[in-house]
C-alpha atoms as a PDB file:
ATOM      1  CA  MET A   1     -58.393 -92.629-259.401  1.00  0.00           C
ATOM      2  CA  PRO A   2     -60.713 -89.968-260.905  1.00  0.00           C
ATOM      3  CA  CYS A   3     -64.394 -90.889-261.033  1.00  0.00           C
ATOM      4  CA  LYS A   4     -66.034 -91.487-264.406  1.00  0.00           C
ATOM      5  CA  LEU A   5     -68.985 -89.179-265.017  1.00  0.00           C
ATOM      6  CA  ALA A   6     -71.489 -88.734-267.841  1.00  0.00           C
ATOM      7  CA  ALA A   7     -73.097 -85.340-267.273  1.00  0.00           C
ATOM      8  CA  GLY A   8     -76.008 -84.039-269.324  1.00  0.00           C
ATOM      9  CA  ASN A   9     -76.628 -80.292-269.664  1.00  0.00           C
ATOM     10  CA  TRP A  10     -80.178 -79.712-270.875  1.00  0.00           C
ATOM     11  CA  LYS A  11     -79.558 -75.951-271.169  1.00  0.00           C
ATOM     12  CA  MET A  12     -82.772 -73.976-271.883  1.00  0.00           C
ATOM     13  CA  ASN A  13     -84.672 -77.056-272.998  1.00  0.00           C
ATOM     14  CA  GLY A  14     -87.285 -79.230-271.369  1.00  0.00           C
ATOM     15  CA  LEU A  15     -90.907 -79.153-270.255  1.00  0.00           C
ATOM     16  CA  ASP A  16     -92.831 -81.450-267.962  1.00  0.00           C
ATOM     17  CA  ALA A  17     -93.508 -83.901-270.808  1.00  0.00           C
ATOM     18  CA  ASP A  18     -89.774 -84.345-271.327  1.00  0.00           C
ATOM     19  CA  LEU A  19     -89.420 -85.972-267.908  1.00  0.00           C
ATOM     20  CA  ASP A  20     -90.406 -89.198-269.674  1.00  0.00           C
ATOM     21  CA  GLU A  21     -86.866 -89.217-271.085  1.00  0.00           C
ATOM     22  CA  VAL A  22     -85.518 -89.486-267.532  1.00  0.00           C
ATOM     23  CA  ARG A  23     -87.879 -92.351-266.767  1.00  0.00           C
ATOM     24  CA  ALA A  24     -86.689 -94.118-269.913  1.00  0.00           C
ATOM     25  CA  LEU A  25     -83.033 -93.526-269.025  1.00  0.00           C
ATOM     26  CA  ILE A  26     -83.515 -94.978-265.531  1.00  0.00           C
ATOM     27  CA  ALA A  27     -85.275 -98.024-266.956  1.00  0.00           C
ATOM     28  CA  ALA A  28     -82.528 -98.649-269.513  1.00  0.00           C
ATOM     29  CA  HIS A  29     -79.591 -98.003-267.153  1.00  0.00           C
ATOM     30  CA  PRO A  30     -80.669 -98.956-263.624  1.00  0.00           C
ATOM     31  CA  SER A  31     -77.125 -99.485-262.315  1.00  0.00           C
ATOM     32  CA  PRO A  32     -74.442 -97.928-264.552  1.00  0.00           C
ATOM     33  CA  ASP A  33     -70.802 -98.347-263.604  1.00  0.00           C
ATOM     34  CA  CYS A  34     -70.129 -94.645-264.184  1.00  0.00           C
ATOM     35  CA  GLY A  35     -71.736 -91.675-262.501  1.00  0.00           C
ATOM     36  CA  VAL A  36     -74.712 -90.263-264.412  1.00  0.00           C
ATOM     37  CA  LEU A  37     -75.747 -86.639-263.919  1.00  0.00           C
ATOM     38  CA  ILE A  38     -78.501 -84.544-265.493  1.00  0.00           C
ATOM     39  CA  CYS A  39     -78.587 -80.762-265.156  1.00  0.00           C
ATOM     40  CA  PRO A  40     -82.076 -79.669-266.214  1.00  0.00           C
ATOM     41  CA  PRO A  41     -83.480 -76.133-266.245  1.00  0.00           C
ATOM     42  CA  ALA A  42     -84.336 -74.997-262.733  1.00  0.00           C
ATOM     43  CA  THR A  43     -88.072 -75.409-263.398  1.00  0.00           C
ATOM     44  CA  LEU A  44     -87.609 -79.179-263.760  1.00  0.00           C
ATOM     45  CA  LEU A  45     -85.116 -79.803-260.965  1.00  0.00           C
ATOM     46  CA  ALA A  46     -87.590 -80.644-258.177  1.00  0.00           C
ATOM     47  CA  PRO A  47     -89.927 -82.816-260.287  1.00  0.00           C
ATOM     48  CA  MET A  48     -86.949 -84.592-261.807  1.00  0.00           C
ATOM     49  CA  ALA A  49     -85.608 -85.242-258.296  1.00  0.00           C
ATOM     50  CA  ASN A  50     -88.873 -86.993-257.448  1.00  0.00           C
ATOM     51  CA  ILE A  51     -88.519 -89.242-260.492  1.00  0.00           C
ATOM     52  CA  ALA A  52     -84.824 -89.960-259.903  1.00  0.00           C
ATOM     53  CA  ARG A  53     -85.181 -90.709-256.179  1.00  0.00           C
ATOM     54  CA  GLY A  54     -83.773 -94.157-255.448  1.00  0.00           C
ATOM     55  CA  SER A  55     -82.119 -94.418-258.880  1.00  0.00           C
ATOM     56  CA  ALA A  56     -78.500 -93.997-259.968  1.00  0.00           C
ATOM     57  CA  ILE A  57     -79.234 -90.620-261.555  1.00  0.00           C
ATOM     58  CA  LEU A  58     -77.680 -87.538-259.926  1.00  0.00           C
ATOM     59  CA  LEU A  59     -79.035 -84.044-260.558  1.00  0.00           C
ATOM     60  CA  GLY A  60     -77.420 -80.654-260.873  1.00  0.00           C
ATOM     61  CA  GLY A  61     -78.089 -77.011-261.614  1.00  0.00           C
ATOM     62  CA  GLN A  62     -76.827 -75.053-264.597  1.00  0.00           C
ATOM     63  CA  ASP A  63     -75.635 -72.004-262.638  1.00  0.00           C
ATOM     64  CA  CYS A  64     -75.852 -70.394-259.212  1.00  0.00           C
ATOM     65  CA  HIS A  65     -75.339 -66.969-257.674  1.00  0.00           C
ATOM     66  CA  SER A  66     -72.180 -66.230-255.708  1.00  0.00           C
ATOM     67  CA  ASP A  67     -74.254 -65.023-252.716  1.00  0.00           C
ATOM     68  CA  ALA A  68     -76.114 -67.381-250.409  1.00  0.00           C
ATOM     69  CA  ASN A  69     -79.257 -65.212-250.541  1.00  0.00           C
ATOM     70  CA  GLY A  70     -80.354 -61.626-251.072  1.00  0.00           C
ATOM     71  CA  ALA A  71     -82.016 -59.163-253.428  1.00  0.00           C
ATOM     72  CA  HIS A  72     -81.080 -60.830-256.729  1.00  0.00           C
ATOM     73  CA  THR A  73     -84.263 -61.064-258.759  1.00  0.00           C
ATOM     74  CA  GLY A  74     -84.260 -63.990-261.156  1.00  0.00           C
ATOM     75  CA  ASP A  75     -81.158 -65.628-259.696  1.00  0.00           C
ATOM     76  CA  ILE A  76     -80.889 -68.882-257.780  1.00  0.00           C
ATOM     77  CA  SER A  77     -78.524 -69.741-254.942  1.00  0.00           C
ATOM     78  CA  ALA A  78     -76.499 -72.890-254.455  1.00  0.00           C
ATOM     79  CA  ALA A  79     -78.503 -73.680-251.324  1.00  0.00           C
ATOM     80  CA  MET A  80     -81.741 -73.439-253.317  1.00  0.00           C
ATOM     81  CA  LEU A  81     -80.380 -75.918-255.857  1.00  0.00           C
ATOM     82  CA  ALA A  82     -79.385 -78.307-253.089  1.00  0.00           C
ATOM     83  CA  ASP A  83     -82.804 -77.903-251.480  1.00  0.00           C
ATOM     84  CA  ALA A  84     -84.459 -78.871-254.781  1.00  0.00           C
ATOM     85  CA  GLY A  85     -82.381 -82.048-255.078  1.00  0.00           C
ATOM     86  CA  ALA A  86     -79.142 -81.003-256.810  1.00  0.00           C
ATOM     87  CA  ARG A  87     -75.774 -82.482-255.958  1.00  0.00           C
ATOM     88  CA  HIS A  88     -73.767 -80.615-258.623  1.00  0.00           C
ATOM     89  CA  VAL A  89     -73.805 -77.292-260.448  1.00  0.00           C
ATOM     90  CA  ILE A  90     -72.260 -76.264-263.779  1.00  0.00           C
ATOM     91  CA  LEU A  91     -70.240 -73.047-263.534  1.00  0.00           C
ATOM     92  CA  GLY A  92     -68.376 -70.958-266.086  1.00  0.00           C
ATOM     93  CA  HIS A  93     -69.950 -72.563-269.132  1.00  0.00           C
ATOM     94  CA  SER A  94     -68.853 -70.703-272.263  1.00  0.00           C
ATOM     95  CA  GLU A  95     -72.449 -69.623-272.872  1.00  0.00           C
ATOM     96  CA  ARG A  96     -72.481 -67.943-269.446  1.00  0.00           C
ATOM     97  CA  ARG A  97     -69.042 -66.431-270.019  1.00  0.00           C
ATOM     98  CA  ALA A  98     -70.109 -65.057-273.425  1.00  0.00           C
ATOM     99  CA  ASP A  99     -73.809 -64.239-273.001  1.00  0.00           C
ATOM    100  CA  HIS A 100     -73.514 -62.867-269.456  1.00  0.00           C
ATOM    101  CA  ALA A 101     -69.927 -61.599-269.487  1.00  0.00           C
ATOM    102  CA  GLU A 102     -68.961 -63.858-266.591  1.00  0.00           C
ATOM    103  CA  SER A 103     -65.317 -63.587-265.587  1.00  0.00           C
ATOM    104  CA  SER A 104     -63.189 -66.364-264.148  1.00  0.00           C
ATOM    105  CA  ASP A 105     -63.101 -64.467-260.851  1.00  0.00           C
ATOM    106  CA  LEU A 106     -66.895 -64.608-260.718  1.00  0.00           C
ATOM    107  CA  VAL A 107     -66.813 -68.309-261.557  1.00  0.00           C
ATOM    108  CA  ALA A 108     -64.451 -68.866-258.617  1.00  0.00           C
ATOM    109  CA  ALA A 109     -66.817 -66.942-256.320  1.00  0.00           C
ATOM    110  CA  LYS A 110     -69.726 -69.065-257.493  1.00  0.00           C
ATOM    111  CA  ALA A 111     -67.683 -72.213-256.927  1.00  0.00           C
ATOM    112  CA  ARG A 112     -66.997 -71.131-253.352  1.00  0.00           C
ATOM    113  CA  ALA A 113     -70.737 -70.662-252.852  1.00  0.00           C
ATOM    114  CA  ALA A 114     -71.400 -74.088-254.364  1.00  0.00           C
ATOM    115  CA  HIS A 115     -68.889 -75.741-252.050  1.00  0.00           C
ATOM    116  CA  ALA A 116     -70.394 -73.966-249.029  1.00  0.00           C
ATOM    117  CA  ALA A 117     -73.780 -75.424-249.955  1.00  0.00           C
ATOM    118  CA  GLY A 118     -72.361 -78.937-250.310  1.00  0.00           C
ATOM    119  CA  LEU A 119     -72.495 -79.000-254.106  1.00  0.00           C
ATOM    120  CA  THR A 120     -69.846 -80.305-256.476  1.00  0.00           C
ATOM    121  CA  ALA A 121     -68.822 -77.543-258.883  1.00  0.00           C
ATOM    122  CA  ILE A 122     -68.333 -78.497-262.535  1.00  0.00           C
ATOM    123  CA  ILE A 123     -66.052 -75.707-263.734  1.00  0.00           C
ATOM    124  CA  CYS A 124     -65.905 -75.224-267.500  1.00  0.00           C
ATOM    125  CA  VAL A 125     -62.952 -73.934-269.512  1.00  0.00           C
ATOM    126  CA  GLY A 126     -62.415 -73.663-273.240  1.00  0.00           C
ATOM    127  CA  GLU A 127     -61.074 -71.614-276.122  1.00  0.00           C
ATOM    128  CA  THR A 128     -62.832 -69.866-279.001  1.00  0.00           C
ATOM    129  CA  GLU A 129     -62.166 -70.700-282.634  1.00  0.00           C
ATOM    130  CA  ALA A 130     -60.062 -67.557-282.990  1.00  0.00           C
ATOM    131  CA  GLU A 131     -57.947 -68.545-279.984  1.00  0.00           C
ATOM    132  CA  ARG A 132     -57.510 -72.060-281.364  1.00  0.00           C
ATOM    133  CA  ASP A 133     -56.446 -70.682-284.756  1.00  0.00           C
ATOM    134  CA  ALA A 134     -54.022 -68.271-283.055  1.00  0.00           C
ATOM    135  CA  GLY A 135     -52.326 -71.161-281.264  1.00  0.00           C
ATOM    136  CA  THR A 136     -53.154 -69.877-277.781  1.00  0.00           C
ATOM    137  CA  THR A 137     -55.422 -72.712-276.668  1.00  0.00           C
ATOM    138  CA  LEU A 138     -53.291 -73.931-273.770  1.00  0.00           C
ATOM    139  CA  ASP A 139     -52.569 -70.423-272.508  1.00  0.00           C
ATOM    140  CA  VAL A 140     -56.283 -69.562-272.571  1.00  0.00           C
ATOM    141  CA  VAL A 141     -57.474 -72.782-270.973  1.00  0.00           C
ATOM    142  CA  LEU A 142     -54.863 -72.877-268.226  1.00  0.00           C
ATOM    143  CA  THR A 143     -55.404 -69.189-267.402  1.00  0.00           C
ATOM    144  CA  GLN A 144     -59.148 -69.852-267.080  1.00  0.00           C
ATOM    145  CA  LEU A 145     -58.458 -72.893-264.914  1.00  0.00           C
ATOM    146  CA  ARG A 146     -56.199 -71.101-262.452  1.00  0.00           C
ATOM    147  CA  ALA A 147     -58.498 -68.074-262.131  1.00  0.00           C
ATOM    148  CA  SER A 148     -61.725 -70.111-261.874  1.00  0.00           C
ATOM    149  CA  LEU A 149     -60.618 -72.537-259.167  1.00  0.00           C
ATOM    150  CA  PRO A 150     -61.335 -71.375-255.611  1.00  0.00           C
ATOM    151  CA  GLY A 151     -59.108 -72.253-252.703  1.00  0.00           C
ATOM    152  CA  GLY A 152     -59.987 -75.605-251.231  1.00  0.00           C
ATOM    153  CA  ALA A 153     -60.987 -77.153-254.552  1.00  0.00           C
ATOM    154  CA  THR A 154     -60.411 -80.912-254.432  1.00  0.00           C
ATOM    155  CA  ALA A 155     -61.527 -84.029-256.255  1.00  0.00           C
ATOM    156  CA  ALA A 156     -64.310 -84.365-253.677  1.00  0.00           C
ATOM    157  CA  ASN A 157     -65.962 -81.043-254.556  1.00  0.00           C
ATOM    158  CA  THR A 158     -64.800 -80.044-258.042  1.00  0.00           C
ATOM    159  CA  VAL A 159     -64.907 -81.439-261.573  1.00  0.00           C
ATOM    160  CA  ILE A 160     -63.283 -79.739-264.578  1.00  0.00           C
ATOM    161  CA  ALA A 161     -64.895 -79.769-268.020  1.00  0.00           C
ATOM    162  CA  TYR A 162     -62.970 -78.801-271.154  1.00  0.00           C
ATOM    163  CA  GLU A 163     -65.339 -77.517-273.813  1.00  0.00           C
ATOM    164  CA  PRO A 164     -63.820 -75.893-276.900  1.00  0.00           C
ATOM    165  CA  VAL A 165     -66.316 -73.133-277.657  1.00  0.00           C
ATOM    166  CA  TRP A 166     -66.173 -73.758-281.392  1.00  0.00           C
ATOM    167  CA  ALA A 167     -67.277 -77.392-280.931  1.00  0.00           C
ATOM    168  CA  ILE A 168     -70.344 -76.791-278.738  1.00  0.00           C
ATOM    169  CA  GLY A 169     -73.511 -77.580-280.657  1.00  0.00           C
ATOM    170  CA  THR A 170     -71.768 -77.230-284.019  1.00  0.00           C
ATOM    171  CA  GLY A 171     -71.224 -80.877-284.861  1.00  0.00           C
ATOM    172  CA  ARG A 172     -67.491 -80.149-285.084  1.00  0.00           C
ATOM    173  CA  THR A 173     -65.185 -82.078-282.775  1.00  0.00           C
ATOM    174  CA  PRO A 174     -61.465 -81.508-282.167  1.00  0.00           C
ATOM    175  CA  THR A 175     -59.135 -84.275-283.218  1.00  0.00           C
ATOM    176  CA  LEU A 176     -58.318 -86.862-280.591  1.00  0.00           C
ATOM    177  CA  GLU A 177     -54.800 -85.425-280.479  1.00  0.00           C
ATOM    178  CA  GLN A 178     -56.151 -81.939-279.740  1.00  0.00           C
ATOM    179  CA  ILE A 179     -58.399 -83.236-276.960  1.00  0.00           C
ATOM    180  CA  ALA A 180     -55.558 -85.264-275.457  1.00  0.00           C
ATOM    181  CA  GLU A 181     -53.168 -82.285-275.540  1.00  0.00           C
ATOM    182  CA  VAL A 182     -55.542 -80.073-273.556  1.00  0.00           C
ATOM    183  CA  HIS A 183     -56.569 -82.767-271.083  1.00  0.00           C
ATOM    184  CA  ASP A 184     -52.929 -83.718-270.446  1.00  0.00           C
ATOM    185  CA  ALA A 185     -52.095 -80.059-269.766  1.00  0.00           C
ATOM    186  CA  LEU A 186     -55.099 -79.667-267.469  1.00  0.00           C
ATOM    187  CA  ARG A 187     -54.178 -82.779-265.483  1.00  0.00           C
ATOM    188  CA  ALA A 188     -50.651 -81.465-264.991  1.00  0.00           C
ATOM    189  CA  ASN A 189     -51.994 -78.188-263.596  1.00  0.00           C
ATOM    190  CA  LEU A 190     -54.758 -79.397-261.282  1.00  0.00           C
ATOM    191  CA  PRO A 191     -54.402 -78.701-257.556  1.00  0.00           C
ATOM    192  CA  ASP A 192     -55.641 -82.259-257.009  1.00  0.00           C
ATOM    193  CA  PRO A 193     -54.646 -84.765-259.730  1.00  0.00           C
ATOM    194  CA  GLU A 194     -57.612 -86.965-258.800  1.00  0.00           C
ATOM    195  CA  MET A 195     -60.130 -84.392-260.061  1.00  0.00           C
ATOM    196  CA  SER A 196     -62.301 -85.764-262.852  1.00  0.00           C
ATOM    197  CA  LEU A 197     -61.733 -84.206-266.281  1.00  0.00           C
ATOM    198  CA  LEU A 198     -64.709 -84.185-268.638  1.00  0.00           C
ATOM    199  CA  TYR A 199     -64.699 -83.413-272.343  1.00  0.00           C
ATOM    200  CA  GLY A 200     -67.622 -81.522-273.870  1.00  0.00           C
ATOM    201  CA  GLY A 201     -68.403 -80.382-277.383  1.00  0.00           C
ATOM    202  CA  SER A 202     -70.558 -82.349-279.829  1.00  0.00           C
ATOM    203  CA  VAL A 203     -70.172 -85.639-277.939  1.00  0.00           C
ATOM    204  CA  LYS A 204     -72.441 -88.289-279.475  1.00  0.00           C
ATOM    205  CA  PRO A 205     -72.895 -92.062-279.176  1.00  0.00           C
ATOM    206  CA  GLY A 206     -70.905 -92.446-282.386  1.00  0.00           C
ATOM    207  CA  ASN A 207     -67.743 -90.686-281.170  1.00  0.00           C
ATOM    208  CA  ALA A 208     -67.919 -91.216-277.404  1.00  0.00           C
ATOM    209  CA  ALA A 209     -65.924 -94.456-277.225  1.00  0.00           C
ATOM    210  CA  GLU A 210     -62.851 -93.067-278.983  1.00  0.00           C
ATOM    211  CA  ILE A 211     -62.910 -89.937-276.825  1.00  0.00           C
ATOM    212  CA  PHE A 212     -63.239 -91.971-273.611  1.00  0.00           C
ATOM    213  CA  ALA A 213     -60.285 -94.131-274.678  1.00  0.00           C
ATOM    214  CA  LEU A 214     -57.969 -91.146-274.190  1.00  0.00           C
ATOM    215  CA  GLY A 215     -55.852 -91.304-271.060  1.00  0.00           C
ATOM    216  CA  ASN A 216     -56.975 -88.176-269.217  1.00  0.00           C
ATOM    217  CA  VAL A 217     -60.646 -88.098-270.221  1.00  0.00           C
ATOM    218  CA  ASP A 218     -62.846 -89.267-267.357  1.00  0.00           C
ATOM    219  CA  GLY A 219     -66.215 -88.636-268.962  1.00  0.00           C
ATOM    220  CA  ALA A 220     -68.233 -86.029-270.812  1.00  0.00           C
ATOM    221  CA  LEU A 221     -70.366 -82.938-270.369  1.00  0.00           C
ATOM    222  CA  VAL A 222     -73.036 -83.546-272.987  1.00  0.00           C
ATOM    223  CA  GLY A 223     -75.424 -80.977-274.434  1.00  0.00           C
ATOM    224  CA  GLY A 224     -78.001 -81.837-277.085  1.00  0.00           C
ATOM    225  CA  ALA A 225     -77.353 -85.576-276.997  1.00  0.00           C
ATOM    226  CA  SER A 226     -78.407 -85.703-273.334  1.00  0.00           C
ATOM    227  CA  LEU A 227     -81.996 -84.663-274.131  1.00  0.00           C
ATOM    228  CA  LYS A 228     -83.000 -88.086-275.437  1.00  0.00           C
ATOM    229  CA  ALA A 229     -82.588 -91.239-273.378  1.00  0.00           C
ATOM    230  CA  VAL A 230     -81.485 -93.316-276.362  1.00  0.00           C
ATOM    231  CA  ASP A 231     -78.658 -90.900-277.243  1.00  0.00           C
ATOM    232  CA  PHE A 232     -77.482 -90.204-273.704  1.00  0.00           C
ATOM    233  CA  GLY A 233     -77.773 -93.919-272.952  1.00  0.00           C
ATOM    234  CA  GLY A 234     -75.361 -94.685-275.769  1.00  0.00           C
ATOM    235  CA  ILE A 235     -72.816 -92.296-274.274  1.00  0.00           C
ATOM    236  CA  ILE A 236     -73.295 -93.827-270.814  1.00  0.00           C
ATOM    237  CA  ALA A 237     -72.741 -97.293-272.282  1.00  0.00           C
ATOM    238  CA  ALA A 238     -69.546 -96.132-273.968  1.00  0.00           C
ATOM    239  CA  LEU A 239     -68.229 -94.691-270.714  1.00  0.00           C
ATOM    240  CA  ASP A 240     -69.158 -97.858-268.807  1.00  0.00           C
ATOM    241  CA  ALA A 241     -67.108 -99.837-271.333  1.00  0.00           C
ATOM    242  CA  ALA A 242     -64.091 -97.495-271.247  1.00  0.00           C
END
């Protein structure tokens, strides 16, 4: 059975003072039934690992290079993330695909590097508003999935996150029927049906329970709502109850 996971993506947010939110989250949810993951900016990964040591909180990176090392100024390798305390890494997020022109082939190469370093790759797929309006959502998402998955991807080393681009940070959320349609199609096309499928895109404590009640939704990749312990805690509670 796929593992339930509440994953928080802090994106380019967070300073040392914000680590108090992690302390508050640990205090409020010392032993959640679901997996809980926070992916902070790289500057906070090591100090957050010190705080989370011995707790139920897992940590991850927000991206990694496809090479293990080398002359790549400003980049970070999967091994470096693991060395700093990460167990996971987000790859192929729509903001990376759009802002940095990342292709699915590059995402697959990064996932191979993540696996080699012992990290679980959270591979993101999702359609734009124009693609949704054109009726090509499933074609787009399944094409991204097939091209982004490296050989050897299994439930033990890979998680898939569906994030409709038009719902990220906008407050807009697809209908439950739209989410279910995409997640059902993804499940049918996974190389390992036990892979966890996360939904992401304006997930909040107020809508989490109904999203988690869907058959092929195993958790969430949460953006802004993961920055505050009270909000992320509400999503964790909803997933625990699902």
